[in-house]
PDB file of N, CA and C in Angstrom:
ATOM      1  N   MET A   1      80.502  97.800 134.244  1.00  0.00           N
ATOM      2  CA  MET A   1      78.891  97.655 134.064  1.00  0.00           C
ATOM      3  C   MET A   1      78.252  97.240 135.605  1.00  0.00           C
ATOM      4  N   THR A   2      76.975  97.751 136.348  1.00  0.00           N
ATOM      5  CA  THR A   2      76.754  96.499 137.143  1.00  0.00           C
ATOM      6  C   THR A   2      75.688  95.891 136.630  1.00  0.00           C
ATOM      7  N   GLY A   3      75.549  94.703 137.580  1.00  0.00           N
ATOM      8  CA  GLY A   3      74.820  93.537 137.552  1.00  0.00           C
ATOM      9  C   GLY A   3      73.303  94.393 137.131  1.00  0.00           C
ATOM     10  N   SER A   4      72.964  95.229 137.593  1.00  0.00           N
ATOM     11  CA  SER A   4      71.413  95.609 137.310  1.00  0.00           C
ATOM     12  C   SER A   4      71.748  95.746 135.687  1.00  0.00           C
ATOM     13  N   GLU A   5      72.617  96.235 134.920  1.00  0.00           N
ATOM     14  CA  GLU A   5      72.467  96.938 133.681  1.00  0.00           C
ATOM     15  C   GLU A   5      72.139  95.783 132.697  1.00  0.00           C
ATOM     16  N   LYS A   6      73.115  94.766 133.302  1.00  0.00           N
ATOM     17  CA  LYS A   6      72.959  93.373 132.560  1.00  0.00           C
ATOM     18  C   LYS A   6      71.833  92.471 132.790  1.00  0.00           C
ATOM     19  N   GLU A   7      71.195  92.784 133.830  1.00  0.00           N
ATOM     20  CA  GLU A   7      69.459  91.920 134.115  1.00  0.00           C
ATOM     21  C   GLU A   7      68.983  92.716 133.362  1.00  0.00           C
ATOM     22  N   ARG A   8      68.735  93.844 133.574  1.00  0.00           N
ATOM     23  CA  ARG A   8      67.605  95.393 132.560  1.00  0.00           C
ATOM     24  C   ARG A   8      67.894  94.772 130.738  1.00  0.00           C
ATOM     25  N   ALA A   9      69.008  94.202 130.961  1.00  0.00           N
ATOM     26  CA  ALA A   9      69.203  93.998 128.997  1.00  0.00           C
ATOM     27  C   ALA A   9      68.190  92.867 128.989  1.00  0.00           C
ATOM     28  N   VAL A  10      68.715  92.026 130.018  1.00  0.00           N
ATOM     29  CA  VAL A  10      68.344  90.619 129.195  1.00  0.00           C
ATOM     30  C   VAL A  10      66.853  90.646 129.379  1.00  0.00           C
ATOM     31  N   MET A  11      65.758  91.155 130.685  1.00  0.00           N
ATOM     32  CA  MET A  11      64.895  91.494 130.695  1.00  0.00           C
ATOM     33  C   MET A  11      64.222  92.248 129.409  1.00  0.00           C
ATOM     34  N   LEU A  12      64.644  93.073 128.639  1.00  0.00           N
ATOM     35  CA  LEU A  12      64.407  94.202 127.449  1.00  0.00           C
ATOM     36  C   LEU A  12      64.096  93.006 126.394  1.00  0.00           C
ATOM     37  N   GLY A  13      65.509  92.313 126.661  1.00  0.00           N
ATOM     38  CA  GLY A  13      65.757  91.223 125.204  1.00  0.00           C
ATOM     39  C   GLY A  13      64.532  89.879 125.287  1.00  0.00           C
ATOM     40  N   GLU A  14      64.187  89.639 127.030  1.00  0.00           N
ATOM     41  CA  GLU A  14      63.230  88.595 126.411  1.00  0.00           C
ATOM     42  C   GLU A  14      61.825  89.213 125.773  1.00  0.00           C
ATOM     43  N   TYR A  15      61.635  90.393 126.885  1.00  0.00           N
ATOM     44  CA  TYR A  15      60.078  90.639 126.727  1.00  0.00           C
ATOM     45  C   TYR A  15      60.064  91.267 124.762  1.00  0.00           C
ATOM     46  N   THR A  16      61.129  92.049 124.100  1.00  0.00           N
ATOM     47  CA  THR A  16      61.097  92.590 122.553  1.00  0.00           C
ATOM     48  C   THR A  16      60.870  91.027 122.089  1.00  0.00           C
ATOM     49  N   VAL A  17      61.543  89.703 122.479  1.00  0.00           N
ATOM     50  CA  VAL A  17      61.205  88.225 121.517  1.00  0.00           C
ATOM     51  C   VAL A  17      59.916  87.963 121.755  1.00  0.00           C
ATOM     52  N   GLU A  18      59.477  87.851 123.132  1.00  0.00           N
ATOM     53  CA  GLU A  18      58.019  87.155 123.533  1.00  0.00           C
ATOM     54  C   GLU A  18      57.038  87.745 122.778  1.00  0.00           C
ATOM     55  N   HIS A  19      57.340  88.856 122.606  1.00  0.00           N
ATOM     56  CA  HIS A  19      55.810  90.216 121.798  1.00  0.00           C
ATOM     57  C   HIS A  19      56.202  90.760 121.104  1.00  0.00           C
ATOM     58  N   SER A  20      57.204  89.915 120.053  1.00  0.00           N
ATOM     59  CA  SER A  20      57.750  90.981 119.041  1.00  0.00           C
ATOM     60  C   SER A  20      57.638  92.136 118.807  1.00  0.00           C
ATOM     61  N   ALA A  21      58.350  92.629 119.802  1.00  0.00           N
ATOM     62  CA  ALA A  21      58.240  94.299 119.978  1.00  0.00           C
ATOM     63  C   ALA A  21      59.032  95.377 119.787  1.00  0.00           C
ATOM     64  N   THR A  22      58.555  96.342 119.258  1.00  0.00           N
ATOM     65  CA  THR A  22      59.774  97.256 118.842  1.00  0.00           C
ATOM     66  C   THR A  22      60.004  98.354 119.836  1.00  0.00           C
ATOM     67  N   VAL A  23      61.248  98.241 119.619  1.00  0.00           N
ATOM     68  CA  VAL A  23      61.909  99.603 120.390  1.00  0.00           C
ATOM     69  C   VAL A  23      61.136 100.950 121.102  1.00  0.00           C
ATOM     70  N   ARG A  24      60.690 100.647 120.550  1.00  0.00           N
ATOM     71  CA  ARG A  24      59.608 101.948 121.129  1.00  0.00           C
ATOM     72  C   ARG A  24      58.495 101.594 121.886  1.00  0.00           C
ATOM     73  N   ALA A  25      57.905 100.258 121.930  1.00  0.00           N
ATOM     74  CA  ALA A  25      56.819  99.712 122.136  1.00  0.00           C
ATOM     75  C   ALA A  25      57.504  99.275 123.485  1.00  0.00           C
ATOM     76  N   THR A  26      58.989  98.661 123.780  1.00  0.00           N
ATOM     77  CA  THR A  26      59.555  97.696 124.848  1.00  0.00           C
ATOM     78  C   THR A  26      59.359  98.985 125.591  1.00  0.00           C
ATOM     79  N   ALA A  27      59.568 100.089 125.273  1.00  0.00           N
ATOM     80  CA  ALA A  27      60.494 101.655 126.045  1.00  0.00           C
ATOM     81  C   ALA A  27      59.289 102.057 126.882  1.00  0.00           C
ATOM     82  N   LYS A  28      58.211 102.352 125.906  1.00  0.00           N
ATOM     83  CA  LYS A  28      57.109 102.717 126.566  1.00  0.00           C
ATOM     84  C   LYS A  28      56.129 101.375 127.530  1.00  0.00           C
ATOM     85  N   HIS A  29      56.649 100.280 127.422  1.00  0.00           N
ATOM     86  CA  HIS A  29      55.934  98.985 128.851  1.00  0.00           C
ATOM     87  C   HIS A  29      56.898  99.473 130.077  1.00  0.00           C
ATOM     88  N   PHE A  30      58.108  99.353 129.524  1.00  0.00           N
ATOM     89  CA  PHE A  30      59.066  99.443 131.006  1.00  0.00           C
ATOM     90  C   PHE A  30      58.887 101.213 131.390  1.00  0.00           C
ATOM     91  N   GLY A  31      58.553 101.898 130.740  1.00  0.00           N
ATOM     92  CA  GLY A  31      58.997 103.314 131.050  1.00  0.00           C
ATOM     93  C   GLY A  31      60.052 104.132 131.044  1.00  0.00           C
ATOM     94  N   ILE A  32      61.043 103.525 130.397  1.00  0.00           N
ATOM     95  CA  ILE A  32      62.324 104.251 130.393  1.00  0.00           C
ATOM     96  C   ILE A  32      62.661 104.500 128.603  1.00  0.00           C
ATOM     97  N   SER A  33      63.800 105.338 128.022  1.00  0.00           N
ATOM     98  CA  SER A  33      63.488 106.411 127.300  1.00  0.00           C
ATOM     99  C   SER A  33      63.894 105.009 126.113  1.00  0.00           C
ATOM    100  N   LYS A  34      63.746 104.988 124.558  1.00  0.00           N
ATOM    101  CA  LYS A  34      64.096 104.754 123.794  1.00  0.00           C
ATOM    102  C   LYS A  34      65.392 104.289 123.914  1.00  0.00           C
ATOM    103  N   SER A  35      66.405 105.420 123.977  1.00  0.00           N
ATOM    104  CA  SER A  35      67.828 105.209 123.348  1.00  0.00           C
ATOM    105  C   SER A  35      68.651 103.978 124.954  1.00  0.00           C
ATOM    106  N   THR A  36      67.558 104.252 126.069  1.00  0.00           N
ATOM    107  CA  THR A  36      68.143 103.301 126.955  1.00  0.00           C
ATOM    108  C   THR A  36      67.816 101.700 126.284  1.00  0.00           C
ATOM    109  N   VAL A  37      66.799 101.656 126.398  1.00  0.00           N
ATOM    110  CA  VAL A  37      65.967 100.293 125.321  1.00  0.00           C
ATOM    111  C   VAL A  37      67.170 100.249 124.180  1.00  0.00           C
ATOM    112  N   HIS A  38      67.150 101.149 123.371  1.00  0.00           N
ATOM    113  CA  HIS A  38      68.199 100.351 122.055  1.00  0.00           C
ATOM    114  C   HIS A  38      69.772 100.097 122.919  1.00  0.00           C
ATOM    115  N   LYS A  39      70.284 101.238 123.378  1.00  0.00           N
ATOM    116  CA  LYS A  39      71.474 100.400 124.181  1.00  0.00           C
ATOM    117  C   LYS A  39      72.001  99.640 124.814  1.00  0.00           C
ATOM    118  N   ASP A  40      70.986  98.957 125.204  1.00  0.00           N
ATOM    119  CA  ASP A  40      70.803  97.662 126.085  1.00  0.00           C
ATOM    120  C   ASP A  40      70.973  96.476 125.325  1.00  0.00           C
ATOM    121  N   LEU A  41      70.019  96.847 124.294  1.00  0.00           N
ATOM    122  CA  LEU A  41      69.751  95.616 123.221  1.00  0.00           C
ATOM    123  C   LEU A  41      70.826  95.528 122.566  1.00  0.00           C
ATOM    124  N   THR A  42      71.839  96.374 121.789  1.00  0.00           N
ATOM    125  CA  THR A  42      72.796  96.749 121.037  1.00  0.00           C
ATOM    126  C   THR A  42      74.027  96.611 122.065  1.00  0.00           C
ATOM    127  N   GLU A  43      73.990  96.984 122.815  1.00  0.00           N
ATOM    128  CA  GLU A  43      75.354  97.206 123.429  1.00  0.00           C
ATOM    129  C   GLU A  43      75.969  95.504 124.643  1.00  0.00           C
ATOM    130  N   ARG A  44      75.049  96.185 125.455  1.00  0.00           N
ATOM    131  CA  ARG A  44      75.070  95.541 126.430  1.00  0.00           C
ATOM    132  C   ARG A  44      74.473  94.069 126.378  1.00  0.00           C
ATOM    133  N   LEU A  45      73.645  93.463 125.895  1.00  0.00           N
ATOM    134  CA  LEU A  45      73.063  92.085 125.236  1.00  0.00           C
ATOM    135  C   LEU A  45      74.047  91.022 125.275  1.00  0.00           C
ATOM    136  N   PRO A  46      74.584  91.444 124.225  1.00  0.00           N
ATOM    137  CA  PRO A  46      75.823  90.605 123.507  1.00  0.00           C
ATOM    138  C   PRO A  46      76.560  89.971 124.482  1.00  0.00           C
ATOM    139  N   LYS A  47      77.195  91.107 125.326  1.00  0.00           N
ATOM    140  CA  LYS A  47      77.975  90.582 126.658  1.00  0.00           C
ATOM    141  C   LYS A  47      77.087  89.882 127.482  1.00  0.00           C
ATOM    142  N   ALA A  48      75.849  90.352 128.103  1.00  0.00           N
ATOM    143  CA  ALA A  48      75.253  89.225 128.844  1.00  0.00           C
ATOM    144  C   ALA A  48      74.760  88.382 128.697  1.00  0.00           C
ATOM    145  N   ALA A  49      73.646  87.625 127.027  1.00  0.00           N
ATOM    146  CA  ALA A  49      73.316  86.978 126.774  1.00  0.00           C
ATOM    147  C   ALA A  49      73.600  86.877 125.153  1.00  0.00           C
ATOM    148  N   PRO A  50      74.530  86.527 124.815  1.00  0.00           N
ATOM    149  CA  PRO A  50      74.550  86.168 122.948  1.00  0.00           C
ATOM    150  C   PRO A  50      73.836  85.548 122.205  1.00  0.00           C
ATOM    151  N   ALA A  51      72.891  84.606 122.979  1.00  0.00           N
ATOM    152  CA  ALA A  51      72.028  83.718 122.266  1.00  0.00           C
ATOM    153  C   ALA A  51      70.639  84.491 122.028  1.00  0.00           C
ATOM    154  N   LEU A  52      70.259  85.046 123.437  1.00  0.00           N
ATOM    155  CA  LEU A  52      69.299  85.833 122.868  1.00  0.00           C
ATOM    156  C   LEU A  52      69.378  87.024 122.255  1.00  0.00           C
ATOM    157  N   TYR A  53      70.507  87.573 122.318  1.00  0.00           N
ATOM    158  CA  TYR A  53      71.187  88.965 121.811  1.00  0.00           C
ATOM    159  C   TYR A  53      70.740  88.946 119.783  1.00  0.00           C
ATOM    160  N   GLY A  54      70.864  87.566 118.921  1.00  0.00           N
ATOM    161  CA  GLY A  54      70.850  87.124 118.114  1.00  0.00           C
ATOM    162  C   GLY A  54      69.372  86.916 117.350  1.00  0.00           C
ATOM    163  N   GLN A  55      68.189  86.607 118.377  1.00  0.00           N
ATOM    164  CA  GLN A  55      66.773  86.385 118.092  1.00  0.00           C
ATOM    165  C   GLN A  55      66.654  87.965 118.633  1.00  0.00           C
ATOM    166  N   VAL A  56      66.990  88.687 119.457  1.00  0.00           N
ATOM    167  CA  VAL A  56      66.886  90.367 119.487  1.00  0.00           C
ATOM    168  C   VAL A  56      67.485  91.021 117.635  1.00  0.00           C
ATOM    169  N   ARG A  57      68.810  90.667 117.623  1.00  0.00           N
ATOM    170  CA  ARG A  57      69.313  91.323 116.439  1.00  0.00           C
ATOM    171  C   ARG A  57      68.422  91.396 114.876  1.00  0.00           C
ATOM    172  N   GLU A  58      67.762  90.055 115.144  1.00  0.00           N
ATOM    173  CA  GLU A  58      66.604  89.858 113.609  1.00  0.00           C
ATOM    174  C   GLU A  58      65.713  90.541 113.923  1.00  0.00           C
ATOM    175  N   LEU A  59      64.857  90.375 115.234  1.00  0.00           N
ATOM    176  CA  LEU A  59      63.783  91.479 115.148  1.00  0.00           C
ATOM    177  C   LEU A  59      64.141  92.821 115.368  1.00  0.00           C
ATOM    178  N   LEU A  60      65.431  93.429 115.342  1.00  0.00           N
ATOM    179  CA  LEU A  60      65.524  94.859 115.558  1.00  0.00           C
ATOM    180  C   LEU A  60      65.480  94.939 114.007  1.00  0.00           C
ATOM    181  N   GLU A  61      66.045  93.846 112.974  1.00  0.00           N
ATOM    182  CA  GLU A  61      65.912  94.214 111.511  1.00  0.00           C
ATOM    183  C   GLU A  61      65.208  93.745 111.224  1.00  0.00           C
ATOM    184  N   LEU A  62      64.844  93.341 111.591  1.00  0.00           N
ATOM    185  CA  LEU A  62      63.028  92.907 110.673  1.00  0.00           C
ATOM    186  C   LEU A  62      62.193  94.802 111.302  1.00  0.00           C
ATOM    187  N   ASN A  63      62.517  95.140 112.424  1.00  0.00           N
ATOM    188  CA  ASN A  63      61.388  96.364 112.507  1.00  0.00           C
ATOM    189  C   ASN A  63      62.525  97.120 111.391  1.00  0.00           C
ATOM    190  N   LYS A  64      63.496  97.387 111.180  1.00  0.00           N
ATOM    191  CA  LYS A  64      64.084  98.292 110.538  1.00  0.00           C
ATOM    192  C   LYS A  64      63.854  98.272 109.348  1.00  0.00           C
ATOM    193  N   ARG A  65      63.342  97.278 108.509  1.00  0.00           N
ATOM    194  CA  ARG A  65      62.858  96.756 107.618  1.00  0.00           C
ATOM    195  C   ARG A  65      61.527  97.264 106.474  1.00  0.00           C
ATOM    196  N   GLU A  66      60.956  97.210 107.907  1.00  0.00           N
ATOM    197  CA  GLU A  66      59.146  97.493 107.987  1.00  0.00           C
ATOM    198  C   GLU A  66      59.120  98.490 108.193  1.00  0.00           C
ATOM    199  N   ARG A  67      59.570  99.889 109.069  1.00  0.00           N
ATOM    200  CA  ARG A  67      59.748 101.298 109.351  1.00  0.00           C
ATOM    201  C   ARG A  67      58.716 101.751 108.380  1.00  0.00           C
ATOM    202  N   HIS A  68      58.994 102.019 107.291  1.00  0.00           N
ATOM    203  CA  HIS A  68      58.619 102.616 105.815  1.00  0.00           C
ATOM    204  C   HIS A  68      57.392 102.357 105.887  1.00  0.00           C
ATOM    205  N   ILE A  69      57.092 100.820 106.066  1.00  0.00           N
ATOM    206  CA  ILE A  69      55.248 101.214 106.265  1.00  0.00           C
ATOM    207  C   ILE A  69      54.676 101.308 107.076  1.00  0.00           C
ATOM    208  N   ARG A  70      54.878 101.298 107.976  1.00  0.00           N
ATOM    209  CA  ARG A  70      54.396 101.549 109.409  1.00  0.00           C
ATOM    210  C   ARG A  70      54.203 103.031 109.505  1.00  0.00           C
ATOM    211  N   GLY A  71      55.259 103.808 108.778  1.00  0.00           N
ATOM    212  CA  GLY A  71      55.118 105.309 108.648  1.00  0.00           C
ATOM    213  C   GLY A  71      54.183 105.724 108.004  1.00  0.00           C
ATOM    214  N   GLY A  72      53.850 104.948 106.281  1.00  0.00           N
ATOM    215  CA  GLY A  72      52.707 105.101 105.935  1.00  0.00           C
ATOM    216  C   GLY A  72      51.320 104.868 106.239  1.00  0.00           C
ATOM    217  N   LEU A  73      51.574 103.870 107.047  1.00  0.00           N
ATOM    218  CA  LEU A  73      50.219 103.557 107.649  1.00  0.00           C
ATOM    219  C   LEU A  73      49.713 104.400 108.693  1.00  0.00           C
ATOM    220  N   ALA A  74      50.358 104.832 109.403  1.00  0.00           N
ATOM    221  CA  ALA A  74      50.219 106.270 110.381  1.00  0.00           C
ATOM    222  C   ALA A  74      50.057 107.086 109.874  1.00  0.00           C
ATOM    223  N   THR A  75      50.524 107.047 108.783  1.00  0.00           N
ATOM    224  CA  THR A  75      50.435 109.232 108.255  1.00  0.00           C
ATOM    225  C   THR A  75      48.868 108.419 107.113  1.00  0.00           C
ATOM    226  N   LYS A  76      48.713 107.277 106.580  1.00  0.00           N
ATOM    227  CA  LYS A  76      46.848 107.009 105.919  1.00  0.00           C
ATOM    228  C   LYS A  76      46.154 107.097 107.081  1.00  0.00           C
ATOM    229  N   HIS A  77      46.246 107.034 107.901  1.00  0.00           N
ATOM    230  CA  HIS A  77      44.926 106.850 109.490  1.00  0.00           C
ATOM    231  C   HIS A  77      45.024 108.193 109.988  1.00  0.00           C
ATOM    232  N   LYS A  78      46.094 108.542 109.854  1.00  0.00           N
ATOM    233  CA  LYS A  78      45.806 110.119 110.173  1.00  0.00           C
ATOM    234  C   LYS A  78      44.951 111.334 109.241  1.00  0.00           C
ATOM    235  N   TYR A  79      45.150 110.824 108.010  1.00  0.00           N
ATOM    236  CA  TYR A  79      44.630 111.754 106.970  1.00  0.00           C
ATOM    237  C   TYR A  79      42.992 111.175 106.786  1.00  0.00           C
ATOM    238  N   GLU A  80      42.342 109.664 107.583  1.00  0.00           N
ATOM    239  CA  GLU A  80      41.068 109.356 107.203  1.00  0.00           C
ATOM    240  C   GLU A  80      40.832 109.719 108.308  1.00  0.00           C
ATOM    241  N   LEU A  81      41.744 110.069 109.667  1.00  0.00           N
ATOM    242  CA  LEU A  81      40.789 110.484 110.668  1.00  0.00           C
ATOM    243  C   LEU A  81      40.643 112.183 110.353  1.00  0.00           C
ATOM    244  N   SER A  82      41.025 112.343 109.577  1.00  0.00           N
ATOM    245  CA  SER A  82      40.776 114.460 109.697  1.00  0.00           C
ATOM    246  C   SER A  82      39.487 114.210 108.502  1.00  0.00           C
ATOM    247  N   ALA A  83      39.706 113.209 107.690  1.00  0.00           N
ATOM    248  CA  ALA A  83      38.712 113.410 106.620  1.00  0.00           C
ATOM    249  C   ALA A  83      37.239 112.885 107.167  1.00  0.00           C
ATOM    250  N   ARG A  84      37.753 111.872 108.602  1.00  0.00           N
ATOM    251  CA  ARG A  84      35.624 111.828 108.653  1.00  0.00           C
ATOM    252  C   ARG A  84      35.868 113.088 109.707  1.00  0.00           C
ATOM    253  N   LEU A  85      36.489 113.263 110.429  1.00  0.00           N
ATOM    254  CA  LEU A  85      36.451 114.756 111.453  1.00  0.00           C
ATOM    255  C   LEU A  85      35.564 115.826 111.009  1.00  0.00           C
ATOM    256  N   LYS A  86      36.050 115.756 109.642  1.00  0.00           N
ATOM    257  CA  LYS A  86      35.562 116.914 108.310  1.00  0.00           C
ATOM    258  C   LYS A  86      33.762 116.511 108.429  1.00  0.00           C
ATOM    259  N   LYS A  87      34.042 115.519 107.699  1.00  0.00           N
ATOM    260  CA  LYS A  87      32.505 114.777 107.107  1.00  0.00           C
ATOM    261  C   LYS A  87      31.200 115.641 108.396  1.00  0.00           C
ATOM    262  N   LYS A  88      31.727 115.078 109.508  1.00  0.00           N
ATOM    263  CA  LYS A  88      30.586 115.201 110.841  1.00  0.00           C
ATOM    264  C   LYS A  88      30.724 116.631 110.820  1.00  0.00           C
ATOM    265  N   VAL A  89      31.241 117.539 110.138  1.00  0.00           N
ATOM    266  CA  VAL A  89      31.331 119.048 110.741  1.00  0.00           C
ATOM    267  C   VAL A  89      30.212 119.676 109.522  1.00  0.00           C
TER     268      VAL A  89
END
């Protein structure tokens, strides 16, 4: 593993914790794929910064527990928007 991968993992971990960001939001911010962010946070970060990994792991678990709620809200917004557009026509 090169130093740049370790540095990137630490940078992604710090951003994720500071902004309470999801893997998807972190990937979008840095312009890289979700799978790269996930791999960096779960495989590379524990070796590079174990203390930071503990914080990131807690946040990833929280996001995992809440993902069904976020999905439901996204679906709700989708249908509310659809209903508003139908009323305008």
